[in-house]
PDB file of N, CA and C in Angstrom:
ATOM      1  N   MET A   1     -16.494 127.484  -6.397  1.00  0.00           N
ATOM      2  CA  MET A   1     -17.683 127.021  -5.708  1.00  0.00           C
ATOM      3  C   MET A   1     -18.871 127.100  -6.660  1.00  0.00           C
ATOM      4  N   ARG A   2     -19.563 126.003  -6.819  1.00  0.00           N
ATOM      5  CA  ARG A   2     -20.711 125.959  -7.722  1.00  0.00           C
ATOM      6  C   ARG A   2     -21.997 126.140  -6.948  1.00  0.00           C
ATOM      7  N   ASN A   3     -22.974 126.674  -7.646  1.00  0.00           N
ATOM      8  CA  ASN A   3     -24.277 126.765  -7.003  1.00  0.00           C
ATOM      9  C   ASN A   3     -25.009 125.428  -7.141  1.00  0.00           C
ATOM     10  N   THR A   4     -26.166 125.328  -6.587  1.00  0.00           N
ATOM     11  CA  THR A   4     -26.878 124.053  -6.504  1.00  0.00           C
ATOM     12  C   THR A   4     -27.311 123.546  -7.871  1.00  0.00           C
ATOM     13  N   ALA A   5     -27.819 124.422  -8.737  1.00  0.00           N
ATOM     14  CA  ALA A   5     -28.298 123.993 -10.050  1.00  0.00           C
ATOM     15  C   ALA A   5     -27.141 123.497 -10.910  1.00  0.00           C
ATOM     16  N   ALA A   6     -26.040 124.190 -10.913  1.00  0.00           N
ATOM     17  CA  ALA A   6     -24.887 123.776 -11.713  1.00  0.00           C
ATOM     18  C   ALA A   6     -24.325 122.454 -11.210  1.00  0.00           C
ATOM     19  N   ASN A   7     -24.315 122.274  -9.905  1.00  0.00           N
ATOM     20  CA  ASN A   7     -23.825 121.026  -9.335  1.00  0.00           C
ATOM     21  C   ASN A   7     -24.751 119.862  -9.708  1.00  0.00           C
ATOM     22  N   PHE A   8     -26.058 120.082  -9.675  1.00  0.00           N
ATOM     23  CA  PHE A   8     -27.027 119.049 -10.041  1.00  0.00           C
ATOM     24  C   PHE A   8     -26.877 118.651 -11.504  1.00  0.00           C
ATOM     25  N   ILE A   9     -26.740 119.626 -12.389  1.00  0.00           N
ATOM     26  CA  ILE A   9     -26.584 119.340 -13.824  1.00  0.00           C
ATOM     27  C   ILE A   9     -25.268 118.611 -14.064  1.00  0.00           C
ATOM     28  N   HIS A  10     -24.220 119.048 -13.426  1.00  0.00           N
ATOM     29  CA  HIS A  10     -22.907 118.415 -13.594  1.00  0.00           C
ATOM     30  C   HIS A  10     -22.936 116.955 -13.150  1.00  0.00           C
ATOM     31  N   LEU A  11     -23.538 116.673 -12.033  1.00  0.00           N
ATOM     32  CA  LEU A  11     -23.616 115.303 -11.537  1.00  0.00           C
ATOM     33  C   LEU A  11     -24.469 114.420 -12.446  1.00  0.00           C
ATOM     34  N   ASN A  12     -25.591 114.940 -12.920  1.00  0.00           N
ATOM     35  CA  ASN A  12     -26.464 114.142 -13.780  1.00  0.00           C
ATOM     36  C   ASN A  12     -25.830 113.868 -15.140  1.00  0.00           C
ATOM     37  N   LEU A  13     -25.115 114.823 -15.699  1.00  0.00           N
ATOM     38  CA  LEU A  13     -24.480 114.610 -16.994  1.00  0.00           C
ATOM     39  C   LEU A  13     -23.308 113.643 -16.877  1.00  0.00           C
ATOM     40  N   ASN A  14     -22.611 113.667 -15.765  1.00  0.00           N
ATOM     41  CA  ASN A  14     -21.516 112.718 -15.567  1.00  0.00           C
ATOM     42  C   ASN A  14     -22.028 111.312 -15.282  1.00  0.00           C
ATOM     43  N   ARG A  15     -23.208 111.187 -14.726  1.00  0.00           N
ATOM     44  CA  ARG A  15     -23.769 109.889 -14.406  1.00  0.00           C
ATOM     45  C   ARG A  15     -24.301 109.178 -15.640  1.00  0.00           C
ATOM     46  N   ARG A  16     -24.721 109.930 -16.624  1.00  0.00           N
ATOM     47  CA  ARG A  16     -25.333 109.354 -17.834  1.00  0.00           C
ATOM     48  C   ARG A  16     -24.618 109.875 -19.081  1.00  0.00           C
ATOM     49  N   PRO A  17     -23.446 109.328 -19.409  1.00  0.00           N
ATOM     50  CA  PRO A  17     -22.695 109.848 -20.561  1.00  0.00           C
ATOM     51  C   PRO A  17     -23.376 109.557 -21.897  1.00  0.00           C
ATOM     52  N   VAL A  18     -24.125 108.447 -21.983  1.00  0.00           N
ATOM     53  CA  VAL A  18     -24.818 108.136 -23.239  1.00  0.00           C
ATOM     54  C   VAL A  18     -25.923 109.149 -23.489  1.00  0.00           C
ATOM     55  N   LEU A  19     -26.664 109.486 -22.448  1.00  0.00           N
ATOM     56  CA  LEU A  19     -27.718 110.487 -22.593  1.00  0.00           C
ATOM     57  C   LEU A  19     -27.127 111.846 -22.955  1.00  0.00           C
ATOM     58  N   THR A  20     -26.002 112.186 -22.359  1.00  0.00           N
ATOM     59  CA  THR A  20     -25.337 113.448 -22.671  1.00  0.00           C
ATOM     60  C   THR A  20     -24.903 113.481 -24.130  1.00  0.00           C
ATOM     61  N   ALA A  21     -24.322 112.396 -24.613  1.00  0.00           N
ATOM     62  CA  ALA A  21     -23.894 112.338 -26.017  1.00  0.00           C
ATOM     63  C   ALA A  21     -25.091 112.426 -26.951  1.00  0.00           C
ATOM     64  N   MET A  22     -26.186 111.753 -26.597  1.00  0.00           N
ATOM     65  CA  MET A  22     -27.386 111.819 -27.442  1.00  0.00           C
ATOM     66  C   MET A  22     -27.949 113.236 -27.493  1.00  0.00           C
ATOM     67  N   MET A  23     -27.927 113.944 -26.380  1.00  0.00           N
ATOM     68  CA  MET A  23     -28.431 115.322 -26.365  1.00  0.00           C
ATOM     69  C   MET A  23     -27.551 116.235 -27.216  1.00  0.00           C
ATOM     70  N   VAL A  24     -26.239 116.066 -27.100  1.00  0.00           N
ATOM     71  CA  VAL A  24     -25.326 116.909 -27.881  1.00  0.00           C
ATOM     72  C   VAL A  24     -25.498 116.638 -29.371  1.00  0.00           C
ATOM     73  N   TYR A  25     -25.574 115.365 -29.749  1.00  0.00           N
ATOM     74  CA  TYR A  25     -25.751 115.025 -31.164  1.00  0.00           C
ATOM     75  C   TYR A  25     -27.110 115.471 -31.702  1.00  0.00           C
ATOM     76  N   SER A  26     -28.142 115.380 -30.881  1.00  0.00           N
ATOM     77  CA  SER A  26     -29.458 115.798 -31.358  1.00  0.00           C
ATOM     78  C   SER A  26     -29.516 117.306 -31.576  1.00  0.00           C
ATOM     79  N   VAL A  27     -28.878 118.060 -30.703  1.00  0.00           N
ATOM     80  CA  VAL A  27     -28.827 119.516 -30.907  1.00  0.00           C
ATOM     81  C   VAL A  27     -28.024 119.840 -32.162  1.00  0.00           C
ATOM     82  N   GLY A  28     -26.893 119.169 -32.345  1.00  0.00           N
ATOM     83  CA  GLY A  28     -26.086 119.398 -33.555  1.00  0.00           C
ATOM     84  C   GLY A  28     -26.826 119.015 -34.816  1.00  0.00           C
ATOM     85  N   PHE A  29     -27.531 117.886 -34.780  1.00  0.00           N
ATOM     86  CA  PHE A  29     -28.298 117.463 -35.951  1.00  0.00           C
ATOM     87  C   PHE A  29     -29.430 118.442 -36.246  1.00  0.00           C
ATOM     88  N   GLY A  30     -30.075 118.940 -35.200  1.00  0.00           N
ATOM     89  CA  GLY A  30     -31.152 119.917 -35.397  1.00  0.00           C
ATOM     90  C   GLY A  30     -30.651 121.207 -36.019  1.00  0.00           C
ATOM     91  N   VAL A  31     -29.509 121.666 -35.574  1.00  0.00           N
ATOM     92  CA  VAL A  31     -28.928 122.895 -36.142  1.00  0.00           C
ATOM     93  C   VAL A  31     -28.543 122.671 -37.597  1.00  0.00           C
ATOM     94  N   ALA A  32     -27.949 121.516 -37.902  1.00  0.00           N
ATOM     95  CA  ALA A  32     -27.554 121.221 -39.284  1.00  0.00           C
ATOM     96  C   ALA A  32     -28.781 121.106 -40.188  1.00  0.00           C
ATOM     97  N   ALA A  33     -29.840 120.460 -39.700  1.00  0.00           N
ATOM     98  CA  ALA A  33     -31.058 120.330 -40.503  1.00  0.00           C
ATOM     99  C   ALA A  33     -31.707 121.690 -40.736  1.00  0.00           C
ATOM    100  N   LEU A  34     -31.704 122.534 -39.732  1.00  0.00           N
ATOM    101  CA  LEU A  34     -32.272 123.873 -39.895  1.00  0.00           C
ATOM    102  C   LEU A  34     -31.468 124.687 -40.899  1.00  0.00           C
ATOM    103  N   MET A  35     -30.149 124.613 -40.839  1.00  0.00           N
ATOM    104  CA  MET A  35     -29.315 125.349 -41.796  1.00  0.00           C
ATOM    105  C   MET A  35     -29.528 124.841 -43.219  1.00  0.00           C
ATOM    106  N   ALA A  36     -29.683 123.534 -43.383  1.00  0.00           N
ATOM    107  CA  ALA A  36     -29.941 122.987 -44.719  1.00  0.00           C
ATOM    108  C   ALA A  36     -31.299 123.436 -45.228  1.00  0.00           C
ATOM    109  N   ALA A  37     -32.300 123.444 -44.365  1.00  0.00           N
ATOM    110  CA  ALA A  37     -33.638 123.878 -44.781  1.00  0.00           C
ATOM    111  C   ALA A  37     -33.643 125.352 -45.173  1.00  0.00           C
ATOM    112  N   VAL A  38     -32.943 126.175 -44.433  1.00  0.00           N
ATOM    113  CA  VAL A  38     -32.875 127.605 -44.768  1.00  0.00           C
ATOM    114  C   VAL A  38     -32.125 127.808 -46.081  1.00  0.00           C
ATOM    115  N   ALA A  39     -31.070 127.029 -46.312  1.00  0.00           N
ATOM    116  CA  ALA A  39     -30.323 127.153 -47.570  1.00  0.00           C
ATOM    117  C   ALA A  39     -31.181 126.750 -48.763  1.00  0.00           C
ATOM    118  N   VAL A  40     -31.950 125.678 -48.629  1.00  0.00           N
ATOM    119  CA  VAL A  40     -32.843 125.248 -49.718  1.00  0.00           C
ATOM    120  C   VAL A  40     -33.932 126.286 -49.936  1.00  0.00           C
ATOM    121  N   TRP A  41     -34.488 126.821 -48.868  1.00  0.00           N
ATOM    122  CA  TRP A  41     -35.537 127.829 -48.994  1.00  0.00           C
ATOM    123  C   TRP A  41     -35.005 129.086 -49.695  1.00  0.00           C
ATOM    124  N   ARG A  42     -33.796 129.517 -49.316  1.00  0.00           N
ATOM    125  CA  ARG A  42     -33.225 130.705 -49.956  1.00  0.00           C
ATOM    126  C   ARG A  42     -32.929 130.460 -51.425  1.00  0.00           C
ATOM    127  N   ALA A  43     -32.462 129.251 -51.758  1.00  0.00           N
ATOM    128  CA  ALA A  43     -32.141 128.954 -53.157  1.00  0.00           C
ATOM    129  C   ALA A  43     -33.415 128.895 -54.000  1.00  0.00           C
ATOM    130  N   ASN A  44     -34.495 128.385 -53.449  1.00  0.00           N
ATOM    131  CA  ASN A  44     -35.738 128.271 -54.210  1.00  0.00           C
ATOM    132  C   ASN A  44     -36.529 129.562 -54.250  1.00  0.00           C
ATOM    133  N   SER A  45     -36.347 130.426 -53.282  1.00  0.00           N
ATOM    134  CA  SER A  45     -37.161 131.637 -53.242  1.00  0.00           C
ATOM    135  C   SER A  45     -36.562 132.781 -54.059  1.00  0.00           C
ATOM    136  N   SER A  46     -35.311 132.679 -54.459  1.00  0.00           N
ATOM    137  CA  SER A  46     -34.713 133.769 -55.228  1.00  0.00           C
ATOM    138  C   SER A  46     -35.124 133.656 -56.691  1.00  0.00           C
ATOM    139  N   CYS A  47     -35.430 134.781 -57.270  1.00  0.00           N
ATOM    140  CA  CYS A  47     -35.860 134.828 -58.663  1.00  0.00           C
ATOM    141  C   CYS A  47     -34.674 135.295 -59.517  1.00  0.00           C
ATOM    142  N   PRO A  48     -34.175 134.466 -60.427  1.00  0.00           N
ATOM    143  CA  PRO A  48     -33.019 134.881 -61.221  1.00  0.00           C
ATOM    144  C   PRO A  48     -33.356 136.002 -62.203  1.00  0.00           C
ATOM    145  N   GLU A  49     -34.629 136.136 -62.561  1.00  0.00           N
ATOM    146  CA  GLU A  49     -35.014 137.183 -63.504  1.00  0.00           C
ATOM    147  C   GLU A  49     -34.880 138.575 -62.895  1.00  0.00           C
ATOM    148  N   SER A  50     -35.032 138.694 -61.605  1.00  0.00           N
ATOM    149  CA  SER A  50     -34.989 140.019 -60.985  1.00  0.00           C
ATOM    150  C   SER A  50     -33.573 140.587 -60.933  1.00  0.00           C
ATOM    151  N   ARG A  51     -32.554 139.743 -61.073  1.00  0.00           N
ATOM    152  CA  ARG A  51     -31.177 140.226 -61.012  1.00  0.00           C
ATOM    153  C   ARG A  51     -30.671 140.749 -62.356  1.00  0.00           C
ATOM    154  N   SER A  52     -31.320 140.366 -63.463  1.00  0.00           N
ATOM    155  CA  SER A  52     -30.833 140.793 -64.774  1.00  0.00           C
ATOM    156  C   SER A  52     -31.519 142.103 -65.174  1.00  0.00           C
ATOM    157  N   PRO A  53     -30.748 143.095 -65.590  1.00  0.00           N
ATOM    158  CA  PRO A  53     -31.346 144.392 -65.921  1.00  0.00           C
ATOM    159  C   PRO A  53     -32.069 144.398 -67.267  1.00  0.00           C
ATOM    160  N   GLU A  54     -31.689 143.542 -68.210  1.00  0.00           N
ATOM    161  CA  GLU A  54     -32.313 143.570 -69.533  1.00  0.00           C
ATOM    162  C   GLU A  54     -33.541 142.658 -69.577  1.00  0.00           C
ATOM    163  N   GLN A  55     -34.310 142.820 -70.610  1.00  0.00           N
ATOM    164  CA  GLN A  55     -35.497 141.992 -70.797  1.00  0.00           C
ATOM    165  C   GLN A  55     -35.083 140.564 -71.139  1.00  0.00           C
ATOM    166  N   PRO A  56     -35.842 139.577 -70.698  1.00  0.00           N
ATOM    167  CA  PRO A  56     -35.492 138.192 -71.058  1.00  0.00           C
ATOM    168  C   PRO A  56     -35.697 137.949 -72.550  1.00  0.00           C
ATOM    169  N   TYR A  57     -34.847 137.136 -73.120  1.00  0.00           N
ATOM    170  CA  TYR A  57     -34.912 136.812 -74.540  1.00  0.00           C
ATOM    171  C   TYR A  57     -35.896 135.677 -74.735  1.00  0.00           C
ATOM    172  N   VAL A  58     -36.918 135.897 -75.550  1.00  0.00           N
ATOM    173  CA  VAL A  58     -37.948 134.901 -75.793  1.00  0.00           C
ATOM    174  C   VAL A  58     -37.881 134.487 -77.255  1.00  0.00           C
ATOM    175  N   VAL A  59     -37.774 133.195 -77.494  1.00  0.00           N
ATOM    176  CA  VAL A  59     -37.729 132.669 -78.858  1.00  0.00           C
ATOM    177  C   VAL A  59     -39.149 132.404 -79.320  1.00  0.00           C
ATOM    178  N   GLN A  60     -39.478 132.917 -80.502  1.00  0.00           N
ATOM    179  CA  GLN A  60     -40.797 132.673 -81.077  1.00  0.00           C
ATOM    180  C   GLN A  60     -40.609 131.925 -82.388  1.00  0.00           C
ATOM    181  N   THR A  61     -41.336 130.830 -82.535  1.00  0.00           N
ATOM    182  CA  THR A  61     -41.216 130.026 -83.747  1.00  0.00           C
ATOM    183  C   THR A  61     -42.472 130.164 -84.588  1.00  0.00           C
ATOM    184  N   ASP A  62     -42.307 129.943 -85.861  1.00  0.00           N
ATOM    185  CA  ASP A  62     -43.422 130.012 -86.799  1.00  0.00           C
ATOM    186  C   ASP A  62     -43.732 128.587 -87.258  1.00  0.00           C
ATOM    187  N   ASN A  63     -44.948 128.121 -87.004  1.00  0.00           N
ATOM    188  CA  ASN A  63     -45.324 126.747 -87.323  1.00  0.00           C
ATOM    189  C   ASN A  63     -45.821 126.590 -88.758  1.00  0.00           C
ATOM    190  N   ARG A  64     -46.084 127.676 -89.399  1.00  0.00           N
ATOM    191  CA  ARG A  64     -46.698 127.585 -90.730  1.00  0.00           C
ATOM    192  C   ARG A  64     -45.715 127.060 -91.755  1.00  0.00           C
ATOM    193  N   ASP A  65     -46.224 126.331 -92.704  1.00  0.00           N
ATOM    194  CA  ASP A  65     -45.427 125.814 -93.813  1.00  0.00           C
ATOM    195  C   ASP A  65     -45.312 126.927 -94.843  1.00  0.00           C
ATOM    196  N   PRO A  66     -44.118 127.367 -95.193  1.00  0.00           N
ATOM    197  CA  PRO A  66     -43.975 128.470 -96.135  1.00  0.00           C
ATOM    198  C   PRO A  66     -44.437 128.117 -97.553  1.00  0.00           C
ATOM    199  N   HIS A  67     -44.527 126.809 -97.865  1.00  0.00           N
ATOM    200  CA  HIS A  67     -44.919 126.419 -99.227  1.00  0.00           C
ATOM    201  C   HIS A  67     -46.410 126.122 -99.347  1.00  0.00           C
ATOM    202  N   ALA A  68     -47.131 126.155 -98.242  1.00  0.00           N
ATOM    203  CA  ALA A  68     -48.571 125.884 -98.296  1.00  0.00           C
ATOM    204  C   ALA A  68     -49.300 127.131 -98.776  1.00  0.00           C
ATOM    205  N   GLN A  69     -50.385 126.915 -99.482  1.00  0.00           N
ATOM    206  CA  GLN A  69     -51.174 128.040 -99.970  1.00  0.00           C
ATOM    207  C   GLN A  69     -52.133 128.477 -98.863  1.00  0.00           C
ATOM    208  N   SER A  70     -52.279 129.757 -98.734  1.00  0.00           N
ATOM    209  CA  SER A  70     -53.160 130.240 -97.696  1.00  0.00           C
ATOM    210  C   SER A  70     -54.595 130.116 -98.147  1.00  0.00           C
ATOM    211  N   MET A  71     -55.483 129.814 -97.233  1.00  0.00           N
ATOM    212  CA  MET A  71     -56.906 129.659 -97.541  1.00  0.00           C
ATOM    213  C   MET A  71     -57.679 130.934 -97.314  1.00  0.00           C
ATOM    214  N   VAL A  72     -57.027 131.968 -96.896  1.00  0.00           N
ATOM    215  CA  VAL A  72     -57.743 133.212 -96.633  1.00  0.00           C
ATOM    216  C   VAL A  72     -57.750 134.076 -97.837  1.00  0.00           C
TER     217      VAL A  72
END
């Protein structure tokens, strides 16, 4: 035996199958979009430098010409 609200929802969903399918797909699409947004946010917010225990390696180059005479 169903109560009045459940019976009303059941009758309305059976009467409009296209609307029911659109609601189900929209909820599924919303959940998928939210999961994708959270995955992108987590990937962009993580700092790879914080996971490495050693200091980052920085390359330093010397632009001076070794054969030029210094003016100082």
